Amino acid sequence: MNEQHYFKDVTLLITHYNRWRSLERLLNSLEKLNCKFEDIVVSDDASRPEHLDEVKRMQSTYNYRLITTPKNGGYGNCINKGMDQIHTPYTLYLQEDFVPFDIFPQNFEHALTIMNEDQSVDYIRFWAIGEQHIDLKPYKWGFSEMVFKFSNPHHLKFYQFSDTPNIKRSTFTEKFGRYREGIHGDLTDYYMAISFLHNKGKGLFYNKYDTLFAHDNSDEASVSRPLTHWKQSTSLPIRLMRFFFLRYKWMKGTWLVLFLKKNVHSLILALRLLSDWLPLEEIADIDCRSFDIIDDGRWFKLVAD
């Protein structure tokens, strides 16, 4: 008989949008692996009626709480309203189109033991789309601590945090803030990654990141953006454009890690050194707590809270 795995103090949070077959496949896969959680929450982002009806139908089979909304609020809103419903110390977050492999339960038990024993660990990440160019320090049980180094020249180093499959403390948003809403999902993920670094988060990464989950949305129409072929282009002008764009992303990430919100006064001083747009005598009169840094994807700007 297969071993039973009951994960006390863990809520499984799944975000869902128009992929009921993927959701059913994920829940069925966890059931076949004999994985049981203290609670399961499915946060739906205003799926079409034919999908939402199926999600409601499955509730009695898989015993989850369904959180709905009358209007699509985007990725940030979907995960925020799901996190608001969690009352256990830990949250295992999965998007509906992931499928766990057989070795997941044992490694998840290791991750949960680490979280219980080491209170300094904020979250543990189980999956990545490819090489992350993050500096790693061996921890134990096949996990490594992610270490942020300003000297690392790669723009992907800022993504220590990513909402691919992970376990985190349910107090995560108290330390790092809520997920930003009303912006593109990639920017929501990016700003949480920056906040994680800015607020000195500690995360672990499973070294064999492609052995715990498969990412599979082939059975339904993907809502993901198509791959951009310019990344693989051999054209010299495009390669130059990409080089300078990635340098910009590196500088932008470094800037935000240093100056995000709490250090707005330092940001203003830095800007003062670069331009004369703000009279020096006005700097001392600025209440830095009343400003935030907003990035609309193109420009930075200071706005009043």
Protein backbone atom coordinates (compact mmCIF):
# COMPACT_ATOMS: atom_id res chain seq x y z
CA MET A 1 0.00 0.00 0.00
CA ASN A 2 1.33 3.43 -0.89
CA GLU A 3 2.53 5.64 1.93
CA GLN A 4 0.06 8.27 3.14
CA HIS A 5 1.26 11.87 3.35
CA TYR A 6 -0.72 14.23 5.59
CA PHE A 7 0.70 17.73 5.64
CA LYS A 8 -0.60 19.30 8.81
CA ASP A 9 -0.44 23.10 9.08
CA VAL A 10 -0.35 23.44 5.27
CA THR A 11 -2.99 24.94 3.00
CA LEU A 12 -2.76 24.11 -0.69
CA LEU A 13 -3.55 27.30 -2.62
CA ILE A 14 -4.31 26.94 -6.32
CA THR A 15 -5.03 29.86 -8.63
CA HIS A 16 -7.31 29.04 -11.55
CA TYR A 17 -8.48 30.70 -14.74
CA ASN A 18 -10.30 28.87 -17.55
CA ARG A 19 -8.48 25.57 -17.16
CA TRP A 20 -10.77 23.22 -15.25
CA ARG A 21 -9.26 20.10 -16.85
CA SER A 22 -5.79 21.15 -15.69
CA LEU A 23 -7.13 21.78 -12.19
CA GLU A 24 -8.75 18.35 -12.12
CA ARG A 25 -5.54 16.73 -13.34
CA LEU A 26 -3.49 18.46 -10.61
CA LEU A 27 -5.88 17.48 -7.82
CA ASN A 28 -6.14 13.92 -9.12
CA SER A 29 -2.33 13.65 -9.30
CA LEU A 30 -1.98 14.75 -5.68
CA GLU A 31 -4.65 12.27 -4.65
CA LYS A 32 -2.82 9.43 -6.43
CA LEU A 33 0.32 10.39 -4.51
CA ASN A 34 -1.75 10.17 -1.29
CA CYS A 35 -1.08 13.82 -0.45
CA LYS A 36 -3.53 15.32 2.02
CA PHE A 37 -3.50 18.89 3.31
CA GLU A 38 -5.11 20.57 6.28
CA ASP A 39 -7.00 22.79 3.84
CA ILE A 40 -7.30 23.42 0.11
CA VAL A 41 -8.26 26.79 -1.39
CA VAL A 42 -8.95 27.34 -5.09
CA SER A 43 -8.97 31.02 -6.07
CA ASP A 44 -10.77 31.56 -9.38
CA ASP A 45 -10.26 34.72 -11.42
CA ALA A 46 -13.72 35.02 -13.00
CA SER A 47 -13.44 32.04 -15.32
CA ARG A 48 -15.97 31.59 -18.09
CA PRO A 49 -19.23 29.94 -16.92
CA GLU A 50 -18.50 26.60 -18.58
CA HIS A 51 -15.21 26.37 -16.65
CA LEU A 52 -16.53 27.70 -13.36
CA ASP A 53 -19.43 25.23 -13.43
CA GLU A 54 -16.95 22.36 -13.69
CA VAL A 55 -14.83 23.78 -10.88
CA LYS A 56 -17.93 23.93 -8.66
CA ARG A 57 -18.84 20.37 -9.64
CA MET A 58 -15.44 19.08 -8.50
CA GLN A 59 -15.72 20.63 -5.02
CA SER A 60 -17.51 17.64 -3.55
CA THR A 61 -14.91 15.26 -4.97
CA TYR A 62 -11.76 17.07 -3.83
CA ASN A 63 -13.14 18.96 -0.83
CA TYR A 64 -11.74 22.44 -1.43
CA ARG A 65 -12.94 25.93 -0.65
CA LEU A 66 -13.68 27.91 -3.80
CA ILE A 67 -13.08 31.67 -3.77
CA THR A 68 -14.69 33.44 -6.72
CA THR A 69 -15.02 36.99 -8.01
CA PRO A 70 -17.57 38.55 -10.38
CA LYS A 71 -14.89 40.39 -12.35
CA ASN A 72 -11.45 39.37 -13.56
CA GLY A 73 -8.94 41.10 -11.30
CA GLY A 74 -5.71 39.71 -12.70
CA TYR A 75 -2.96 37.62 -11.17
CA GLY A 76 -2.24 39.89 -8.20
CA ASN A 77 -5.86 40.07 -7.11
CA CYS A 78 -6.37 36.33 -7.60
CA ILE A 79 -3.53 35.34 -5.30
CA ASN A 80 -4.28 38.08 -2.75
CA LYS A 81 -7.88 36.98 -2.26
CA GLY A 82 -6.72 33.40 -1.95
CA MET A 83 -4.06 34.25 0.63
CA ASP A 84 -6.68 36.20 2.62
CA GLN A 85 -8.56 32.92 3.21
CA ILE A 86 -5.61 30.96 4.62
CA HIS A 87 -5.45 30.21 8.35
CA THR A 88 -2.64 27.64 8.53
CA PRO A 89 1.02 28.53 9.22
CA TYR A 90 2.17 27.45 5.73
CA THR A 91 0.94 27.80 2.15
CA LEU A 92 1.85 25.50 -0.72
CA TYR A 93 1.17 27.54 -3.85
CA LEU A 94 0.54 25.88 -7.20
CA GLN A 95 -0.90 27.15 -10.45
CA GLU A 96 -3.45 24.79 -11.91
CA ASP A 97 -1.32 23.62 -14.85
CA PHE A 98 1.45 21.94 -12.82
CA VAL A 99 1.65 18.19 -12.22
CA PRO A 100 3.71 16.68 -9.36
CA PHE A 101 6.09 13.78 -9.93
CA ASP A 102 6.33 10.75 -7.63
CA ILE A 103 9.28 12.14 -5.65
CA PHE A 104 7.41 15.32 -4.69
CA PRO A 105 5.88 14.12 -1.37
CA GLN A 106 9.18 13.09 0.21
CA ASN A 107 10.92 16.32 -0.84
CA PHE A 108 7.97 18.40 0.30
CA GLU A 109 8.23 16.73 3.71
CA HIS A 110 11.89 17.78 3.79
CA ALA A 111 10.93 21.35 2.90
CA LEU A 112 8.28 21.45 5.61
CA THR A 113 10.77 20.12 8.17
CA ILE A 114 13.21 22.85 7.17
CA MET A 115 10.55 25.54 7.58
CA ASN A 116 9.68 24.20 11.03
CA GLU A 117 13.29 23.96 12.18
CA ASP A 118 14.71 27.14 10.62
CA GLN A 119 12.49 30.13 11.34
CA SER A 120 14.72 32.37 9.21
CA VAL A 121 13.58 30.67 5.99
CA ASP A 122 10.71 32.63 4.43
CA TYR A 123 9.99 30.38 1.48
CA ILE A 124 11.23 27.41 -0.54
CA ARG A 125 11.01 27.20 -4.31
CA PHE A 126 10.54 23.89 -6.13
CA TRP A 127 10.58 24.69 -9.85
CA ALA A 128 12.09 26.94 -12.50
CA ILE A 129 11.61 27.27 -16.23
CA GLY A 130 15.36 26.93 -16.81
CA GLU A 131 18.73 27.98 -15.47
CA GLN A 132 18.19 30.90 -13.10
CA HIS A 133 21.70 32.36 -12.75
CA ILE A 134 21.12 32.72 -9.01
CA ASP A 135 24.03 32.26 -6.62
CA LEU A 136 23.45 29.20 -4.44
CA LYS A 137 24.92 27.96 -1.15
CA PRO A 138 24.33 24.26 -0.31
CA TYR A 139 21.85 23.74 2.53
CA LYS A 140 20.70 20.11 2.92
CA TRP A 141 18.48 17.42 1.40
CA GLY A 142 19.12 18.71 -2.11
CA PHE A 143 18.16 22.30 -1.28
CA SER A 144 20.40 25.36 -1.52
CA GLU A 145 20.10 28.82 -0.04
CA MET A 146 19.70 31.57 -2.63
CA VAL A 147 22.30 34.30 -2.09
CA PHE A 148 21.99 37.74 -3.65
CA LYS A 149 25.22 39.27 -4.92
CA PHE A 150 25.37 42.71 -6.50
CA SER A 151 28.44 41.51 -8.40
CA ASN A 152 26.41 38.91 -10.29
CA PRO A 153 26.00 40.49 -13.77
CA HIS A 154 22.93 38.49 -14.85
CA HIS A 155 19.48 40.14 -14.87
CA LEU A 156 17.77 36.92 -13.69
CA LYS A 157 19.53 37.08 -10.31
CA PHE A 158 16.68 39.27 -9.04
CA TYR A 159 14.17 36.42 -9.28
CA GLN A 160 15.00 34.58 -6.08
CA PHE A 161 11.28 34.77 -5.46
CA SER A 162 8.95 33.52 -8.15
CA ASP A 163 5.41 32.22 -7.91
CA THR A 164 6.24 28.95 -9.52
CA PRO A 165 5.51 26.02 -7.10
CA ASN A 166 6.65 26.98 -3.62
CA ILE A 167 5.93 26.78 0.07
CA LYS A 168 5.93 29.96 2.11
CA ARG A 169 4.92 31.12 5.54
CA SER A 170 1.35 32.37 5.50
CA THR A 171 2.62 35.60 7.09
CA PHE A 172 4.65 36.19 3.92
CA THR A 173 2.70 39.28 2.84
CA GLU A 174 3.09 40.86 6.27
CA LYS A 175 6.84 40.96 5.70
CA PHE A 176 7.00 41.55 1.95
CA GLY A 177 3.70 43.27 1.20
CA ARG A 178 0.67 42.21 -0.80
CA TYR A 179 0.90 41.36 -4.47
CA ARG A 180 0.48 44.44 -6.65
CA GLU A 181 -2.82 44.56 -8.47
CA GLY A 182 -3.92 46.32 -11.63
CA ILE A 183 -0.69 45.67 -13.52
CA HIS A 184 0.53 42.90 -15.83
CA GLY A 185 1.15 39.58 -14.10
CA ASP A 186 4.84 39.59 -14.98
CA LEU A 187 5.25 42.96 -13.26
CA THR A 188 3.35 41.69 -10.22
CA ASP A 189 5.80 38.80 -9.94
CA TYR A 190 8.75 41.13 -10.57
CA TYR A 191 7.82 43.59 -7.81
CA MET A 192 7.34 40.79 -5.30
CA ALA A 193 10.78 39.47 -6.26
CA ILE A 194 12.25 42.95 -5.69
CA SER A 195 10.44 43.30 -2.37
CA PHE A 196 11.78 39.91 -1.31
CA LEU A 197 15.35 41.11 -1.86
CA HIS A 198 14.77 44.59 -0.48
CA ASN A 199 13.31 43.21 2.76
CA LYS A 200 16.14 40.70 3.21
CA GLY A 201 14.13 37.57 2.47
CA LYS A 202 15.69 34.15 2.86
CA GLY A 203 14.72 31.49 0.37
CA LEU A 204 15.81 28.00 -0.58
CA PHE A 205 15.83 26.43 -4.03
CA TYR A 206 15.53 22.76 -4.92
CA ASN A 207 18.65 21.96 -6.93
CA LYS A 208 17.03 19.43 -9.28
CA TYR A 209 14.23 21.84 -10.04
CA ASP A 210 12.95 19.95 -13.09
CA THR A 211 12.30 16.69 -11.19
CA LEU A 212 9.44 17.64 -8.84
CA PHE A 213 6.85 19.14 -11.20
CA ALA A 214 5.92 19.16 -14.85
CA HIS A 215 4.39 22.30 -16.31
CA ASP A 216 1.77 21.15 -18.78
CA ASN A 217 -1.05 23.19 -20.31
CA SER A 218 -1.16 21.23 -23.56
CA ASP A 219 -4.66 19.91 -22.99
CA GLU A 220 -6.22 23.37 -23.05
CA ALA A 221 -5.68 26.63 -24.89
CA SER A 222 -2.79 28.36 -23.24
CA VAL A 223 -3.31 31.86 -21.93
CA SER A 224 0.44 32.42 -21.85
CA ARG A 225 2.09 34.76 -24.29
CA PRO A 226 3.86 33.13 -27.23
CA LEU A 227 7.62 32.80 -27.07
CA THR A 228 9.47 35.73 -28.53
CA HIS A 229 11.88 34.53 -31.21
CA TRP A 230 13.96 37.71 -31.05
CA LYS A 231 15.66 36.25 -27.98
CA GLN A 232 17.26 33.62 -30.20
CA SER A 233 17.95 35.90 -33.15
CA THR A 234 21.50 35.99 -34.54
CA SER A 235 20.97 39.41 -36.14
CA LEU A 236 23.71 41.80 -34.93
CA PRO A 237 21.37 44.83 -34.46
CA ILE A 238 18.90 42.73 -32.47
CA ARG A 239 21.69 41.21 -30.40
CA LEU A 240 22.98 44.70 -29.59
CA MET A 241 19.50 45.88 -28.68
CA ARG A 242 19.04 42.88 -26.43
CA PHE A 243 22.42 43.44 -24.78
CA PHE A 244 21.61 47.05 -23.85
CA PHE A 245 18.05 46.14 -22.82
CA LEU A 246 19.34 43.48 -20.43
CA ARG A 247 21.89 45.95 -18.99
CA TYR A 248 18.98 48.31 -18.38
CA LYS A 249 17.05 45.54 -16.61
CA TRP A 250 20.09 44.81 -14.42
CA MET A 251 20.49 48.48 -13.46
CA LYS A 252 16.75 48.88 -12.88
CA GLY A 253 16.65 45.84 -10.59
CA THR A 254 19.69 47.00 -8.63
CA TRP A 255 18.16 50.46 -8.23
CA LEU A 256 14.88 49.07 -6.89
CA VAL A 257 16.53 46.64 -4.48
CA LEU A 258 18.47 49.57 -3.00
CA PHE A 259 15.79 52.24 -3.02
CA LEU A 260 12.35 50.59 -2.99
CA LYS A 261 9.92 52.74 -0.96
CA LYS A 262 11.72 52.81 2.39
CA ASN A 263 14.72 54.60 0.91
CA VAL A 264 12.94 57.15 -1.26
CA HIS A 265 14.97 59.93 0.37
CA SER A 266 18.17 58.25 -0.84
CA LEU A 267 16.61 57.97 -4.28
CA ILE A 268 15.84 61.69 -4.36
CA LEU A 269 19.40 62.51 -3.31
CA ALA A 270 20.71 60.26 -6.07
CA LEU A 271 18.48 61.96 -8.61
CA ARG A 272 19.67 65.34 -7.34
CA LEU A 273 23.22 64.38 -8.23
CA LEU A 274 22.12 63.64 -11.79
CA SER A 275 19.95 66.66 -12.50
CA ASP A 276 18.84 70.05 -11.27
CA TRP A 277 15.12 69.34 -11.46
CA LEU A 278 14.72 69.51 -7.65
CA PRO A 279 16.13 72.54 -5.75
CA LEU A 280 18.53 71.40 -3.05
CA GLU A 281 16.74 73.35 -0.32
CA GLU A 282 13.52 71.41 -0.97
CA ILE A 283 15.02 67.97 -0.31
CA ALA A 284 15.03 68.36 3.47
CA ASP A 285 11.31 69.24 3.45
CA ILE A 286 10.16 66.04 1.71
CA ASP A 287 8.30 63.49 3.83
CA CYS A 288 9.67 60.30 2.31
CA ARG A 289 6.92 58.16 3.82
CA SER A 290 4.35 59.84 1.57
CA PHE A 291 5.90 58.63 -1.67
CA ASP A 292 6.16 55.35 -3.50
CA ILE A 293 8.10 54.29 -6.58
CA ILE A 294 5.88 53.28 -9.48
CA ASP A 295 7.07 51.63 -12.66
CA ASP A 296 4.57 51.45 -15.50
CA GLY A 297 6.94 49.29 -17.54
CA ARG A 298 8.65 52.23 -19.22
CA TRP A 299 9.47 55.00 -16.71
CA PHE A 300 9.94 55.48 -12.99
CA LYS A 301 7.93 58.15 -11.24
CA LEU A 302 7.30 59.28 -7.67
CA VAL A 303 3.67 59.47 -6.63
CA ALA A 304 1.96 60.38 -3.38
CA ASP A 305 0.50 57.44 -1.45
